[in-house]
């Protein structure tokens, strides 16, 4: 019969428990799985599978007692690192939704909203379209595999240990959150510029022909120009999404390193 001491059993539990907590914290805010449509059982099962796969590949860590003050500190650190990794990825989809809101307002579709069961709120139809398109692009370019690789790399960069907590990681996250507006405007800029040109042309037509009913003519022209420009802009969307996604993964690892350390 195999005899395992309490210290050895505690070490085995710590080997799998702390990676499981970090992965579960990441899944809680992940843009694809951290929503209401993903059952909790799926997230728990996926976190358990990834923890079992990743834990044996990690370098030996110092013994940590689960039920202790040191174990509590390490537990909170793993939660913070997991949330940081998931938050940086969620910014990507938030920027896409903001870009859709900008485009919808310029096209006169600000009232065209859909109920999003994931977030439990009304979201712009164009924003939902860009979010779904971005998700398909990420799966096509193996973005989910890149996330798992970055998650594994986080255990190399930020090993499981009772190290001091630093505030540099929070500054990285705050700075990264500002890219929602810059990236959203960058994506919406072609459509916005085309619609601005169309509105200027409609204004000149109104001055040249005052009898022209601008309301009956302007809306179809604006709508058509917006959809046409959006079609050509989407052709470049995969390049933007891929670059933004890789930058999000690098920022997540940088924030994780900044949260734990001197």
Foldseek 3Di string as FASTA:
>chain_A
DDDDDPQRVQQVCVLQVLQLLLQLLLLCQAQPRNFPVHDPVVSSVVSNVLSVVQSVVFDDDDRDGCPDPLNVLLSVLSNVLSNLLRLLNNLLLLLLQLLQCVLCVLLVNNVQWDQDRRVRHTGHPSSVVSSVLLVVLCVVVVVVVVSSVLSSVLCVLPPRGSFDFADPLVVLSVVSSVVSVVSSCVLNVQLNVQSVVLVVVLVVVCVVPVVDPCVVPVNVVSNVSNVVSNVVSVVCVSVSSVVSSVVSSVSSSVSSNRGGDD
